[in-house]
Amino acid sequence: MPHPGQPPDHVLDLFAAEGVLEPLPGGQGTTWRAGDLALSPGHGPEDAWLAPIQARLAVRLDEESPRSLRLALPVPARDGSLTVDGWAATRFEDGTTPCLDLPTLRATAHLLHAHLASAVTERPAGLDARTDRWTDAEHQAYDADAAVVAAALRPEPGLADLVAGLVDGLDGTDSSDSLGREQLVHRDLAGNVLLDAAGVPFVIDFSPTWRSPLWAEAVLVLDAVLWHDAPVGALDDWRTGTARQAVLRAALFRVLSDRPCDVPRYAALGLA
């Protein structure tokens, strides 16, 4: 019997996917391998703008010598579509291992975002079409009133107080550019960096948004501490100044997008 979360047969057929289906670790745990492809759900036609950008950068990075960064290469379906019923495919990279080293993750974020800043100079219009819960939570993280209202509607005990405490720490500057110049960033890097067989960081499951690299790095550090065994002390440099503002908005983004939210886990970080 097929696993309820695996790509259906017609999706596999359109992507010409071959081989035994197997779930892949990392990310949200929803990506599947089929032969030389990695297939992941949660993609719609509104995401089609990203694939050409990602493909050009992936090829450019692979042509560097020596390589310092790699990016998963999108693969179109047989009819030329980049998504099929919400599924997208990238080339599977054999011999990779999860990257859990925080300094390497942060260096990867810096390098990736530097390349993206050069490759994409204007905000892609396709970002406006995204309607998932992470996008909603991201907008709420930059709108204190909306964050408080959203938390009040949730059932988790203590969530409203946690969000109120995070909002109280904001310096009153709701301008998004207060955290630095905005650009195309990957907002979910912590669980989506692998090391290839040569030890080069290999970025997968690109989750795009238009925010400052500082905010994206704050999300990375927060996730690494919460879910990937990085020490709590990694947050010490994020407790004052502009870095604190970035991590407060990163925490609001995460607590409002997590369903359900592990309120005690976030509260124990002492950010609010």
Protein backbone atom coordinates (compact mmCIF):
# COMPACT_ATOMS: atom_id res chain seq x y z
CA MET A 1 0.00 0.00 0.00
CA PRO A 2 1.43 3.44 -0.91
CA HIS A 3 2.55 5.68 1.91
CA PRO A 4 -0.01 8.52 2.31
CA GLY A 5 2.70 11.17 2.00
CA GLN A 6 4.52 9.83 -1.04
CA PRO A 7 4.23 11.31 -4.54
CA PRO A 8 1.40 9.70 -6.52
CA ASP A 9 2.04 7.58 -9.59
CA HIS A 10 1.03 10.25 -12.12
CA VAL A 11 3.53 12.69 -10.57
CA LEU A 12 6.28 10.10 -10.78
CA ASP A 13 5.33 9.40 -14.37
CA LEU A 14 5.44 13.05 -15.46
CA PHE A 15 8.84 13.55 -13.84
CA ALA A 16 10.06 10.29 -15.41
CA ALA A 17 11.07 9.20 -11.92
CA GLU A 18 12.50 5.70 -11.69
CA GLY A 19 13.73 3.48 -8.88
CA VAL A 20 12.42 2.56 -5.47
CA LEU A 21 10.73 5.36 -3.55
CA GLU A 22 12.35 6.18 -0.22
CA PRO A 23 11.79 9.06 2.23
CA LEU A 24 14.71 11.44 2.71
CA PRO A 25 15.76 12.93 6.05
CA GLY A 26 16.02 16.64 6.71
CA GLY A 27 13.71 19.56 6.09
CA GLN A 28 10.12 18.81 7.01
CA GLY A 29 10.52 15.10 6.34
CA THR A 30 8.26 15.19 3.27
CA THR A 31 10.84 14.78 0.49
CA TRP A 32 11.18 11.48 -1.38
CA ARG A 33 13.92 9.99 -3.50
CA ALA A 34 13.13 8.17 -6.73
CA GLY A 35 16.29 7.19 -8.57
CA ASP A 36 18.24 10.35 -9.38
CA LEU A 37 15.42 12.70 -8.35
CA ALA A 38 14.34 14.21 -5.05
CA LEU A 39 10.64 15.13 -5.04
CA SER A 40 9.04 17.47 -2.51
CA PRO A 41 5.45 18.69 -2.05
CA GLY A 42 4.13 22.14 -1.24
CA HIS A 43 4.94 23.77 -4.57
CA GLY A 44 2.46 25.49 -6.85
CA PRO A 45 2.52 27.24 -10.22
CA GLU A 46 3.18 30.45 -8.31
CA ASP A 47 6.67 29.09 -7.50
CA ALA A 48 7.65 28.59 -11.14
CA TRP A 49 9.65 31.85 -11.19
CA LEU A 50 12.19 30.41 -8.74
CA ALA A 51 13.36 27.41 -10.75
CA PRO A 52 15.19 29.33 -13.53
CA ILE A 53 16.96 31.49 -10.93
CA GLN A 54 17.91 28.43 -8.90
CA ALA A 55 19.02 26.48 -11.97
CA ARG A 56 21.29 29.24 -13.28
CA LEU A 57 22.91 29.72 -9.89
CA ALA A 58 23.27 25.96 -9.33
CA VAL A 59 25.11 25.57 -12.64
CA ARG A 60 27.30 28.60 -11.98
CA LEU A 61 28.29 27.32 -8.54
CA ASP A 62 29.11 23.87 -9.89
CA GLU A 63 31.41 25.46 -12.48
CA GLU A 64 33.53 27.15 -9.80
CA SER A 65 36.92 25.68 -9.04
CA PRO A 66 37.30 24.95 -6.27
CA ARG A 67 33.67 24.65 -5.31
CA SER A 68 32.65 26.47 -2.13
CA LEU A 69 28.87 26.11 -2.31
CA ARG A 70 26.34 24.04 -4.21
CA LEU A 71 22.60 24.33 -4.81
CA ALA A 72 20.10 21.64 -5.75
CA LEU A 73 19.31 21.71 -9.48
CA PRO A 74 15.59 21.88 -10.41
CA VAL A 75 14.35 19.27 -12.90
CA PRO A 76 11.27 19.94 -15.09
CA ALA A 77 8.59 17.38 -15.83
CA ARG A 78 8.33 15.78 -19.26
CA ASP A 79 5.76 18.35 -20.36
CA GLY A 80 8.04 21.21 -19.31
CA SER A 81 6.13 21.96 -16.12
CA LEU A 82 8.17 22.82 -13.06
CA THR A 83 5.48 21.59 -10.67
CA VAL A 84 2.96 18.76 -10.94
CA ASP A 85 0.00 18.80 -8.55
CA GLY A 86 2.09 20.60 -5.93
CA TRP A 87 5.24 18.48 -6.39
CA ALA A 88 8.61 19.72 -7.63
CA ALA A 89 11.80 17.81 -8.40
CA THR A 90 15.50 18.47 -8.03
CA ARG A 91 18.50 16.36 -8.96
CA PHE A 92 19.37 13.99 -6.10
CA GLU A 93 22.94 14.27 -4.86
CA ASP A 94 24.29 10.91 -3.70
CA GLY A 95 26.78 10.63 -0.84
CA THR A 96 25.60 13.65 1.15
CA THR A 97 25.39 13.97 4.93
CA PRO A 98 23.42 16.49 7.04
CA CYS A 99 25.39 19.58 8.06
CA LEU A 100 24.87 20.33 11.76
CA ASP A 101 27.91 22.54 12.38
CA LEU A 102 26.58 26.02 13.15
CA PRO A 103 29.63 27.99 11.91
CA THR A 104 29.45 26.11 8.60
CA LEU A 105 25.71 26.78 8.37
CA ARG A 106 26.21 30.49 9.00
CA ALA A 107 29.05 30.67 6.47
CA THR A 108 26.80 28.91 3.96
CA ALA A 109 24.05 31.46 4.59
CA HIS A 110 26.45 34.36 4.04
CA LEU A 111 27.80 32.91 0.81
CA LEU A 112 24.40 31.90 -0.59
CA HIS A 113 22.86 35.28 0.14
CA ALA A 114 25.82 37.10 -1.39
CA HIS A 115 25.31 35.13 -4.61
CA LEU A 116 21.54 35.74 -4.53
CA ALA A 117 22.05 39.47 -4.01
CA SER A 118 24.01 39.57 -7.27
CA ALA A 119 21.72 37.21 -9.18
CA VAL A 120 18.36 38.78 -8.19
CA THR A 121 18.37 42.55 -7.96
CA GLU A 122 14.59 43.16 -7.82
CA ARG A 123 11.87 41.59 -5.71
CA PRO A 124 10.27 38.77 -7.75
CA ALA A 125 6.56 39.39 -8.31
CA GLY A 126 5.89 35.69 -7.77
CA LEU A 127 6.49 36.07 -4.05
CA ASP A 128 3.18 37.93 -3.76
CA ALA A 129 1.27 34.80 -4.78
CA ARG A 130 2.48 32.66 -1.88
CA THR A 131 -0.27 31.89 0.66
CA ASP A 132 1.15 29.17 2.93
CA ARG A 133 1.19 29.37 6.71
CA TRP A 134 4.89 30.27 6.80
CA THR A 135 4.30 33.28 4.59
CA ASP A 136 1.37 34.36 6.75
CA ALA A 137 3.49 34.01 9.90
CA GLU A 138 6.35 35.95 8.32
CA HIS A 139 4.05 38.88 7.57
CA GLN A 140 2.71 38.75 11.13
CA ALA A 141 6.26 38.78 12.50
CA TYR A 142 6.72 42.17 10.87
CA ASP A 143 3.34 43.50 12.07
CA ALA A 144 3.17 43.50 15.88
CA ASP A 145 -0.60 44.01 16.04
CA ALA A 146 -1.24 41.18 13.60
CA ALA A 147 1.07 38.89 15.59
CA VAL A 148 -0.83 39.54 18.83
CA VAL A 149 -4.20 38.94 17.15
CA ALA A 150 -3.00 35.72 15.48
CA ALA A 151 -1.65 34.37 18.80
CA ALA A 152 -4.92 35.16 20.59
CA LEU A 153 -6.78 32.92 18.15
CA ARG A 154 -4.55 29.92 18.78
CA PRO A 155 -5.33 27.20 21.37
CA GLU A 156 -1.82 26.56 22.76
CA PRO A 157 -1.57 27.57 26.45
CA GLY A 158 0.88 30.40 26.98
CA LEU A 159 1.27 31.26 23.30
CA ALA A 160 -0.41 34.66 23.59
CA ASP A 161 1.84 35.61 26.52
CA LEU A 162 4.95 34.40 24.67
CA VAL A 163 4.09 36.45 21.59
CA ALA A 164 3.26 39.49 23.73
CA GLY A 165 6.67 39.20 25.40
CA LEU A 166 8.46 38.96 22.04
CA VAL A 167 6.51 41.96 20.72
CA ASP A 168 7.39 43.97 23.85
CA GLY A 169 11.07 43.49 23.01
CA LEU A 170 10.72 45.15 19.62
CA ASP A 171 12.14 48.64 19.44
CA GLY A 172 9.07 50.13 17.78
CA THR A 173 10.62 50.25 14.35
CA ASP A 174 8.33 48.23 12.09
CA SER A 175 10.15 49.27 8.95
CA SER A 176 11.46 46.07 7.39
CA ASP A 177 14.68 47.77 6.26
CA SER A 178 15.65 48.42 9.89
CA LEU A 179 17.38 45.01 9.80
CA GLY A 180 19.33 45.79 6.65
CA ARG A 181 18.77 45.81 2.92
CA GLU A 182 16.24 43.25 1.80
CA GLN A 183 16.87 40.70 -0.93
CA LEU A 184 15.99 37.16 -1.94
CA VAL A 185 16.89 34.82 0.94
CA HIS A 186 16.39 31.20 2.00
CA ARG A 187 14.25 31.34 5.14
CA ASP A 188 14.67 27.69 6.20
CA LEU A 189 18.37 26.88 5.96
CA ALA A 190 19.11 25.11 9.25
CA GLY A 191 17.75 21.71 8.22
CA ASN A 192 18.41 22.10 4.52
CA VAL A 193 22.18 22.17 4.18
CA LEU A 194 24.00 18.94 3.38
CA LEU A 195 27.68 18.24 2.83
CA ASP A 196 28.50 16.51 -0.45
CA ALA A 197 31.08 13.77 -0.80
CA ALA A 198 33.86 16.40 -0.96
CA GLY A 199 32.55 18.26 2.12
CA VAL A 200 31.09 21.19 0.15
CA PRO A 201 27.81 22.63 1.51
CA PHE A 202 24.86 21.61 -0.68
CA VAL A 203 21.64 23.62 -0.19
CA ILE A 204 18.27 21.95 -0.75
CA ASP A 205 14.56 22.80 -0.43
CA PHE A 206 14.87 26.49 -1.24
CA SER A 207 12.20 28.38 0.74
CA PRO A 208 12.30 31.88 -0.81
CA THR A 209 11.30 35.21 0.66
CA TRP A 210 12.36 38.85 0.39
CA ARG A 211 13.88 39.83 3.73
CA SER A 212 17.23 40.88 5.11
CA PRO A 213 20.02 38.29 5.27
CA LEU A 214 20.32 39.15 8.98
CA TRP A 215 16.75 37.99 9.60
CA ALA A 216 17.31 34.79 7.60
CA GLU A 217 20.46 34.10 9.62
CA ALA A 218 18.54 34.72 12.86
CA VAL A 219 16.00 32.08 11.79
CA LEU A 220 18.87 29.71 11.04
CA VAL A 221 20.54 30.19 14.45
CA LEU A 222 17.22 29.93 16.29
CA ASP A 223 16.33 26.70 14.48
CA ALA A 224 19.80 25.26 15.09
CA VAL A 225 19.43 25.83 18.83
CA LEU A 226 15.85 24.58 19.01
CA TRP A 227 16.01 21.52 16.77
CA HIS A 228 19.59 20.69 15.77
CA ASP A 229 21.47 20.53 19.08
CA ALA A 230 23.37 23.81 18.80
CA PRO A 231 24.15 25.24 22.27
CA VAL A 232 21.86 27.91 23.71
CA GLY A 233 24.97 30.07 24.01
CA ALA A 234 24.84 30.48 20.23
CA LEU A 235 22.10 33.03 20.89
CA ASP A 236 24.31 35.20 23.13
CA ASP A 237 25.34 37.46 20.25
CA TRP A 238 21.68 37.93 19.34
CA ARG A 239 20.42 39.42 22.61
CA THR A 240 21.26 43.09 22.01
CA GLY A 241 20.97 45.72 19.30
CA THR A 242 19.90 45.04 15.74
CA ALA A 243 20.67 41.34 16.08
CA ARG A 244 18.12 41.13 18.91
CA GLN A 245 15.48 42.76 16.71
CA ALA A 246 16.22 40.19 14.01
CA VAL A 247 15.95 37.20 16.35
CA LEU A 248 12.75 38.53 17.95
CA ARG A 249 11.13 38.68 14.53
CA ALA A 250 12.60 35.26 13.71
CA ALA A 251 11.05 33.86 16.90
CA LEU A 252 7.68 35.44 16.09
CA PHE A 253 7.87 33.88 12.64
CA ARG A 254 8.56 30.44 14.04
CA VAL A 255 6.09 30.40 16.94
CA LEU A 256 3.30 31.62 14.65
CA SER A 257 4.09 29.14 11.86
CA ASP A 258 4.62 26.07 14.06
CA ARG A 259 1.41 24.03 14.29
CA PRO A 260 1.26 23.29 17.14
CA CYS A 261 3.84 25.52 18.79
CA ASP A 262 6.00 24.03 21.57
CA VAL A 263 5.57 27.10 23.79
CA PRO A 264 7.77 25.92 26.72
CA ARG A 265 10.64 25.17 24.34
CA TYR A 266 10.63 28.71 22.97
CA ALA A 267 10.02 30.28 26.37
CA ALA A 268 13.09 28.50 27.79
CA LEU A 269 15.32 30.48 25.42
CA GLY A 270 14.66 33.67 27.40
CA LEU A 271 14.14 35.85 24.34
CA ALA A 272 10.86 37.38 25.53
